[in-house]
């Protein structure tokens, strides 16, 4: 006999992935993304249009190796080798249990079916919501979406040129159809043109570009 769980999982769903909309990535935070707060209202509006909404959350130990403070003599923006991987050094941010690591005030987290934390290994950063930067450890997000019957992922959040980009590319590699909600993302733009380059990289990788208005129109059909 087919279990009720199997019946539910067999239903094809579209998933909304909200990437790292956390206090430290908002204006005034430890690692602010310019205009990052503007994505909150978009995330809330879109959450109502999806049966399956998941979120990723940067969740670093206080001594994380991606922090410049963990490397005496190094500064934010320096590039180092961390556990065999190139690593940009960042300000201390999204430390486990801190206010900065909490989801943005006003973000409707009650819509979330599951939260996937990343960056928990002090020796490996994790931009993608699916894997760490070395693809050595999975967060379980891809497996969860498959179990829930999702084949298409709509992605938005912070930041376009880092965590959004790598989440999208890994989702494509995992076999999902990916839509990037462009007006629902904001970028760090360490160098001028980084955001445009990231969007083009996602496009070349197979992501479709869409606006939040278009998402709601499609979902109403």
C-alpha atoms as a PDB file:
ATOM      1  CA  UNK A   1       0.000   0.000   0.000  1.00  0.00           C
ATOM      2  CA  UNK A   2       1.311   3.452  -0.854  1.00  0.00           C
ATOM      3  CA  UNK A   3       1.883   5.521   2.280  1.00  0.00           C
ATOM      4  CA  UNK A   4       0.322   8.952   2.695  1.00  0.00           C
ATOM      5  CA  UNK A   5       3.842  10.371   2.761  1.00  0.00           C
ATOM      6  CA  UNK A   6       4.623   8.819  -0.618  1.00  0.00           C
ATOM      7  CA  UNK A   7       1.436  10.230  -2.087  1.00  0.00           C
ATOM      8  CA  UNK A   8       2.364  13.724  -0.921  1.00  0.00           C
ATOM      9  CA  UNK A   9       5.916  13.429  -2.223  1.00  0.00           C
ATOM     10  CA  UNK A  10       4.673  12.298  -5.624  1.00  0.00           C
ATOM     11  CA  UNK A  11       2.948  15.642  -6.160  1.00  0.00           C
ATOM     12  CA  UNK A  12       5.184  17.923  -8.217  1.00  0.00           C
ATOM     13  CA  UNK A  13       5.748  21.256  -6.473  1.00  0.00           C
ATOM     14  CA  UNK A  14       7.659  24.418  -7.208  1.00  0.00           C
ATOM     15  CA  UNK A  15       9.916  25.559  -4.381  1.00  0.00           C
ATOM     16  CA  UNK A  16      10.780  29.089  -3.326  1.00  0.00           C
ATOM     17  CA  UNK A  17      14.296  29.301  -1.858  1.00  0.00           C
ATOM     18  CA  UNK A  18      14.953  32.433   0.205  1.00  0.00           C
ATOM     19  CA  UNK A  19      18.702  32.856   0.622  1.00  0.00           C
ATOM     20  CA  UNK A  20      20.255  34.407   3.755  1.00  0.00           C
ATOM     21  CA  UNK A  21      17.854  37.268   4.474  1.00  0.00           C
ATOM     22  CA  UNK A  22      19.506  37.895   7.837  1.00  0.00           C
ATOM     23  CA  UNK A  23      20.195  40.957   9.970  1.00  0.00           C
ATOM     24  CA  UNK A  24      23.938  41.043   9.354  1.00  0.00           C
ATOM     25  CA  UNK A  25      23.351  41.309   5.592  1.00  0.00           C
ATOM     26  CA  UNK A  26      20.989  44.267   5.914  1.00  0.00           C
ATOM     27  CA  UNK A  27      21.983  47.946   6.072  1.00  0.00           C
ATOM     28  CA  UNK A  28      23.526  48.508   9.509  1.00  0.00           C
ATOM     29  CA  UNK A  29      24.634  44.881   9.813  1.00  0.00           C
ATOM     30  CA  UNK A  30      28.148  43.500  10.063  1.00  0.00           C
ATOM     31  CA  UNK A  31      28.320  42.680   6.345  1.00  0.00           C
ATOM     32  CA  UNK A  32      25.651  44.903   4.795  1.00  0.00           C
ATOM     33  CA  UNK A  33      24.364  44.285   1.287  1.00  0.00           C
ATOM     34  CA  UNK A  34      23.310  47.648  -0.190  1.00  0.00           C
ATOM     35  CA  UNK A  35      19.507  47.878  -0.195  1.00  0.00           C
ATOM     36  CA  UNK A  36      19.315  44.329   1.146  1.00  0.00           C
ATOM     37  CA  UNK A  37      16.259  45.214   3.208  1.00  0.00           C
ATOM     38  CA  UNK A  38      14.289  45.778   0.013  1.00  0.00           C
ATOM     39  CA  UNK A  39      13.962  42.053  -0.591  1.00  0.00           C
ATOM     40  CA  UNK A  40      11.944  41.436   2.595  1.00  0.00           C
ATOM     41  CA  UNK A  41       8.608  42.640   1.244  1.00  0.00           C
ATOM     42  CA  UNK A  42       9.165  40.696  -1.981  1.00  0.00           C
ATOM     43  CA  UNK A  43       9.893  37.496  -0.056  1.00  0.00           C
ATOM     44  CA  UNK A  44       6.738  37.937   2.013  1.00  0.00           C
ATOM     45  CA  UNK A  45       4.548  38.522  -1.032  1.00  0.00           C
ATOM     46  CA  UNK A  46       5.949  35.520  -2.881  1.00  0.00           C
ATOM     47  CA  UNK A  47       5.729  33.156   0.088  1.00  0.00           C
ATOM     48  CA  UNK A  48       1.946  33.195  -0.231  1.00  0.00           C
ATOM     49  CA  UNK A  49       2.216  31.936  -3.812  1.00  0.00           C
ATOM     50  CA  UNK A  50       4.148  28.744  -2.997  1.00  0.00           C
ATOM     51  CA  UNK A  51       3.219  25.556  -1.188  1.00  0.00           C
ATOM     52  CA  UNK A  52       6.894  24.899  -0.475  1.00  0.00           C
ATOM     53  CA  UNK A  53       9.112  27.664   0.926  1.00  0.00           C
ATOM     54  CA  UNK A  54      12.576  27.009   2.352  1.00  0.00           C
ATOM     55  CA  UNK A  55      15.254  29.354   3.644  1.00  0.00           C
ATOM     56  CA  UNK A  56      19.001  29.194   4.009  1.00  0.00           C
ATOM     57  CA  UNK A  57      20.764  30.701   6.995  1.00  0.00           C
ATOM     58  CA  UNK A  58      24.445  31.526   7.442  1.00  0.00           C
ATOM     59  CA  UNK A  59      25.311  30.022  10.835  1.00  0.00           C
ATOM     60  CA  UNK A  60      28.993  30.478  11.616  1.00  0.00           C
ATOM     61  CA  UNK A  61      30.939  29.532  14.724  1.00  0.00           C
ATOM     62  CA  UNK A  62      32.638  32.572  16.274  1.00  0.00           C
ATOM     63  CA  UNK A  63      36.093  31.391  15.127  1.00  0.00           C
ATOM     64  CA  UNK A  64      35.135  30.718  11.521  1.00  0.00           C
ATOM     65  CA  UNK A  65      38.101  30.636   9.159  1.00  0.00           C
ATOM     66  CA  UNK A  66      36.430  33.005   6.692  1.00  0.00           C
ATOM     67  CA  UNK A  67      36.633  35.851   9.223  1.00  0.00           C
ATOM     68  CA  UNK A  68      39.577  38.227   8.919  1.00  0.00           C
ATOM     69  CA  UNK A  69      39.599  38.393  12.731  1.00  0.00           C
ATOM     70  CA  UNK A  70      40.556  34.702  12.800  1.00  0.00           C
ATOM     71  CA  UNK A  71      43.832  35.500  10.992  1.00  0.00           C
ATOM     72  CA  UNK A  72      46.069  37.992  12.818  1.00  0.00           C
ATOM     73  CA  UNK A  73      47.606  40.455  10.395  1.00  0.00           C
ATOM     74  CA  UNK A  74      45.010  39.823   7.715  1.00  0.00           C
ATOM     75  CA  UNK A  75      42.341  42.275   6.614  1.00  0.00           C
ATOM     76  CA  UNK A  76      38.823  42.060   5.230  1.00  0.00           C
ATOM     77  CA  UNK A  77      39.040  41.438   1.489  1.00  0.00           C
ATOM     78  CA  UNK A  78      42.310  39.496   1.618  1.00  0.00           C
ATOM     79  CA  UNK A  79      42.377  36.218  -0.285  1.00  0.00           C
ATOM     80  CA  UNK A  80      43.809  33.212   1.550  1.00  0.00           C
ATOM     81  CA  UNK A  81      43.862  29.434   1.279  1.00  0.00           C
ATOM     82  CA  UNK A  82      41.424  27.873   3.750  1.00  0.00           C
ATOM     83  CA  UNK A  83      41.495  24.107   3.993  1.00  0.00           C
ATOM     84  CA  UNK A  84      42.634  23.833   0.385  1.00  0.00           C
ATOM     85  CA  UNK A  85      40.139  26.328  -1.040  1.00  0.00           C
ATOM     86  CA  UNK A  86      40.517  30.009  -2.017  1.00  0.00           C
ATOM     87  CA  UNK A  87      38.786  32.156   0.581  1.00  0.00           C
ATOM     88  CA  UNK A  88      37.948  35.861   0.698  1.00  0.00           C
ATOM     89  CA  UNK A  89      38.161  37.133   4.260  1.00  0.00           C
ATOM     90  CA  UNK A  90      34.989  38.765   5.618  1.00  0.00           C
ATOM     91  CA  UNK A  91      34.034  40.699   8.731  1.00  0.00           C
ATOM     92  CA  UNK A  92      32.711  38.598  11.603  1.00  0.00           C
ATOM     93  CA  UNK A  93      29.070  37.971  10.688  1.00  0.00           C
ATOM     94  CA  UNK A  94      26.124  35.658  11.276  1.00  0.00           C
ATOM     95  CA  UNK A  95      27.648  34.079  14.367  1.00  0.00           C
ATOM     96  CA  UNK A  96      25.533  31.262  15.743  1.00  0.00           C
ATOM     97  CA  UNK A  97      22.948  32.510  18.215  1.00  0.00           C
ATOM     98  CA  UNK A  98      23.652  36.193  17.582  1.00  0.00           C
ATOM     99  CA  UNK A  99      21.167  38.876  16.567  1.00  0.00           C
ATOM    100  CA  UNK A 100      23.040  39.275  13.287  1.00  0.00           C
ATOM    101  CA  UNK A 101      22.403  35.643  12.409  1.00  0.00           C
ATOM    102  CA  UNK A 102      18.663  35.941  12.968  1.00  0.00           C
ATOM    103  CA  UNK A 103      16.324  36.335  10.043  1.00  0.00           C
ATOM    104  CA  UNK A 104      15.420  39.910   9.207  1.00  0.00           C
ATOM    105  CA  UNK A 105      12.771  41.537  11.331  1.00  0.00           C
ATOM    106  CA  UNK A 106       9.582  41.548   9.304  1.00  0.00           C
ATOM    107  CA  UNK A 107      10.427  38.440   7.288  1.00  0.00           C
ATOM    108  CA  UNK A 108       7.498  36.031   7.546  1.00  0.00           C
ATOM    109  CA  UNK A 109       9.349  32.932   8.689  1.00  0.00           C
ATOM    110  CA  UNK A 110       6.070  31.178   9.489  1.00  0.00           C
ATOM    111  CA  UNK A 111       5.903  30.330   5.780  1.00  0.00           C
ATOM    112  CA  UNK A 112       9.140  28.331   5.925  1.00  0.00           C
ATOM    113  CA  UNK A 113       8.779  24.561   5.608  1.00  0.00           C
ATOM    114  CA  UNK A 114      12.416  24.073   6.571  1.00  0.00           C
ATOM    115  CA  UNK A 115      15.535  26.117   7.343  1.00  0.00           C
ATOM    116  CA  UNK A 116      18.923  24.944   6.107  1.00  0.00           C
ATOM    117  CA  UNK A 117      21.934  26.268   7.996  1.00  0.00           C
ATOM    118  CA  UNK A 118      25.308  26.571   6.326  1.00  0.00           C
ATOM    119  CA  UNK A 119      28.842  27.659   7.118  1.00  0.00           C
ATOM    120  CA  UNK A 120      28.880  25.659  10.336  1.00  0.00           C
ATOM    121  CA  UNK A 121      32.305  24.092   9.707  1.00  0.00           C
ATOM    122  CA  UNK A 122      34.975  26.570  10.906  1.00  0.00           C
ATOM    123  CA  UNK A 123      37.402  25.368   8.247  1.00  0.00           C
ATOM    124  CA  UNK A 124      35.136  25.605   5.183  1.00  0.00           C
ATOM    125  CA  UNK A 125      32.854  28.415   4.062  1.00  0.00           C
ATOM    126  CA  UNK A 126      29.511  27.698   2.457  1.00  0.00           C
ATOM    127  CA  UNK A 127      28.051  30.170  -0.014  1.00  0.00           C
ATOM    128  CA  UNK A 128      25.655  27.695  -1.601  1.00  0.00           C
ATOM    129  CA  UNK A 129      22.533  26.583   0.202  1.00  0.00           C
ATOM    130  CA  UNK A 130      23.133  23.030  -1.042  1.00  0.00           C
ATOM    131  CA  UNK A 131      26.826  22.376  -0.354  1.00  0.00           C
ATOM    132  CA  UNK A 132      29.895  23.833   1.281  1.00  0.00           C
ATOM    133  CA  UNK A 133      32.395  25.563  -0.999  1.00  0.00           C
ATOM    134  CA  UNK A 134      34.376  22.379  -1.533  1.00  0.00           C
ATOM    135  CA  UNK A 135      31.292  20.247  -2.217  1.00  0.00           C
ATOM    136  CA  UNK A 136      32.506  18.042   0.585  1.00  0.00           C
ATOM    137  CA  UNK A 137      29.336  18.243   2.663  1.00  0.00           C
ATOM    138  CA  UNK A 138      25.697  18.603   1.699  1.00  0.00           C
ATOM    139  CA  UNK A 139      23.235  20.702   3.686  1.00  0.00           C
ATOM    140  CA  UNK A 140      20.424  18.315   2.761  1.00  0.00           C
ATOM    141  CA  UNK A 141      18.469  20.988   0.875  1.00  0.00           C
ATOM    142  CA  UNK A 142      18.518  19.222  -2.480  1.00  0.00           C
ATOM    143  CA  UNK A 143      17.475  15.913  -0.953  1.00  0.00           C
ATOM    144  CA  UNK A 144      14.656  17.609   0.947  1.00  0.00           C
ATOM    145  CA  UNK A 145      13.291  19.303  -2.175  1.00  0.00           C
ATOM    146  CA  UNK A 146      13.320  16.011  -4.066  1.00  0.00           C
ATOM    147  CA  UNK A 147      11.525  14.255  -1.223  1.00  0.00           C
ATOM    148  CA  UNK A 148       8.860  16.956  -1.298  1.00  0.00           C
ATOM    149  CA  UNK A 149       8.347  16.463  -5.036  1.00  0.00           C
ATOM    150  CA  UNK A 150       9.982  19.708  -6.159  1.00  0.00           C
ATOM    151  CA  UNK A 151      11.535  19.839  -9.607  1.00  0.00           C
ATOM    152  CA  UNK A 152      11.691  23.623 -10.025  1.00  0.00           C
ATOM    153  CA  UNK A 153      13.356  26.139  -7.711  1.00  0.00           C
ATOM    154  CA  UNK A 154      12.672  29.875  -7.676  1.00  0.00           C
ATOM    155  CA  UNK A 155      15.589  31.586  -5.930  1.00  0.00           C
ATOM    156  CA  UNK A 156      15.894  35.029  -4.345  1.00  0.00           C
ATOM    157  CA  UNK A 157      17.751  36.722  -1.475  1.00  0.00           C
ATOM    158  CA  UNK A 158      21.233  37.864  -0.506  1.00  0.00           C
ATOM    159  CA  UNK A 159      23.641  38.253  -2.041  1.00  0.00           C
ATOM    160  CA  UNK A 160      23.336  37.975  -5.815  1.00  0.00           C
ATOM    161  CA  UNK A 161      27.069  37.655  -6.457  1.00  0.00           C
ATOM    162  CA  UNK A 162      27.778  35.118  -3.710  1.00  0.00           C
ATOM    163  CA  UNK A 163      25.250  32.956  -1.916  1.00  0.00           C
ATOM    164  CA  UNK A 164      22.425  33.400  -4.420  1.00  0.00           C
ATOM    165  CA  UNK A 165      24.720  32.637  -7.343  1.00  0.00           C
ATOM    166  CA  UNK A 166      26.230  29.506  -5.856  1.00  0.00           C
ATOM    167  CA  UNK A 167      22.850  28.246  -4.642  1.00  0.00           C
ATOM    168  CA  UNK A 168      21.438  28.661  -8.143  1.00  0.00           C
ATOM    169  CA  UNK A 169      24.386  26.973  -9.854  1.00  0.00           C
ATOM    170  CA  UNK A 170      24.346  24.039  -7.452  1.00  0.00           C
ATOM    171  CA  UNK A 171      20.593  23.645  -7.844  1.00  0.00           C
ATOM    172  CA  UNK A 172      21.016  23.525 -11.625  1.00  0.00           C
ATOM    173  CA  UNK A 173      23.809  20.961 -11.283  1.00  0.00           C
ATOM    174  CA  UNK A 174      21.514  18.897  -9.045  1.00  0.00           C
ATOM    175  CA  UNK A 175      18.951  18.723 -11.833  1.00  0.00           C
ATOM    176  CA  UNK A 176      16.437  21.374 -10.789  1.00  0.00           C
ATOM    177  CA  UNK A 177      14.919  23.866 -13.184  1.00  0.00           C
ATOM    178  CA  UNK A 178      15.984  27.211 -11.740  1.00  0.00           C
ATOM    179  CA  UNK A 179      14.426  30.657 -11.964  1.00  0.00           C
ATOM    180  CA  UNK A 180      16.265  33.655 -10.553  1.00  0.00           C
ATOM    181  CA  UNK A 181      13.879  36.281  -9.186  1.00  0.00           C
ATOM    182  CA  UNK A 182      16.018  39.260 -10.125  1.00  0.00           C
ATOM    183  CA  UNK A 183      14.172  42.023  -8.285  1.00  0.00           C
ATOM    184  CA  UNK A 184      14.195  39.817  -5.181  1.00  0.00           C
ATOM    185  CA  UNK A 185      18.008  39.849  -4.997  1.00  0.00           C
ATOM    186  CA  UNK A 186      20.652  42.395  -4.044  1.00  0.00           C
ATOM    187  CA  UNK A 187      24.427  42.087  -4.423  1.00  0.00           C
ATOM    188  CA  UNK A 188      27.570  42.890  -2.452  1.00  0.00           C
ATOM    189  CA  UNK A 189      29.440  44.191  -5.541  1.00  0.00           C
ATOM    190  CA  UNK A 190      32.943  44.140  -4.063  1.00  0.00           C
ATOM    191  CA  UNK A 191      34.095  45.117  -7.538  1.00  0.00           C
ATOM    192  CA  UNK A 192      32.025  47.079 -10.022  1.00  0.00           C
ATOM    193  CA  UNK A 193      30.247  44.672 -12.348  1.00  0.00           C
ATOM    194  CA  UNK A 194      30.259  41.690  -9.967  1.00  0.00           C
ATOM    195  CA  UNK A 195      26.452  41.503  -9.885  1.00  0.00           C
ATOM    196  CA  UNK A 196      26.033  41.661 -13.644  1.00  0.00           C
ATOM    197  CA  UNK A 197      28.734  39.049 -14.049  1.00  0.00           C
ATOM    198  CA  UNK A 198      27.022  36.764 -11.518  1.00  0.00           C
ATOM    199  CA  UNK A 199      23.666  37.102 -13.265  1.00  0.00           C
ATOM    200  CA  UNK A 200      25.267  36.284 -16.603  1.00  0.00           C
ATOM    201  CA  UNK A 201      27.026  33.277 -15.079  1.00  0.00           C
ATOM    202  CA  UNK A 202      23.715  31.966 -13.753  1.00  0.00           C
ATOM    203  CA  UNK A 203      22.068  32.604 -17.109  1.00  0.00           C
ATOM    204  CA  UNK A 204      24.813  30.709 -18.948  1.00  0.00           C
ATOM    205  CA  UNK A 205      24.488  27.923 -16.406  1.00  0.00           C
ATOM    206  CA  UNK A 206      20.839  27.466 -17.279  1.00  0.00           C
ATOM    207  CA  UNK A 207      18.889  29.727 -14.911  1.00  0.00           C
ATOM    208  CA  UNK A 208      15.892  31.600 -16.284  1.00  0.00           C
ATOM    209  CA  UNK A 209      15.472  35.236 -15.288  1.00  0.00           C
ATOM    210  CA  UNK A 210      12.093  36.299 -13.926  1.00  0.00           C
ATOM    211  CA  UNK A 211      10.580  39.155 -11.898  1.00  0.00           C
ATOM    212  CA  UNK A 212       8.490  38.761  -8.755  1.00  0.00           C
ATOM    213  CA  UNK A 213       5.458  40.092 -10.654  1.00  0.00           C
ATOM    214  CA  UNK A 214       5.922  37.447 -13.326  1.00  0.00           C
ATOM    215  CA  UNK A 215       6.227  34.753 -10.653  1.00  0.00           C
ATOM    216  CA  UNK A 216       2.868  35.636  -9.142  1.00  0.00           C
ATOM    217  CA  UNK A 217       1.250  35.751 -12.582  1.00  0.00           C
ATOM    218  CA  UNK A 218       2.606  32.311 -13.461  1.00  0.00           C
ATOM    219  CA  UNK A 219       1.606  30.857 -10.096  1.00  0.00           C
ATOM    220  CA  UNK A 220      -2.006  32.073 -10.500  1.00  0.00           C
ATOM    221  CA  UNK A 221      -2.490  30.093 -13.706  1.00  0.00           C
END
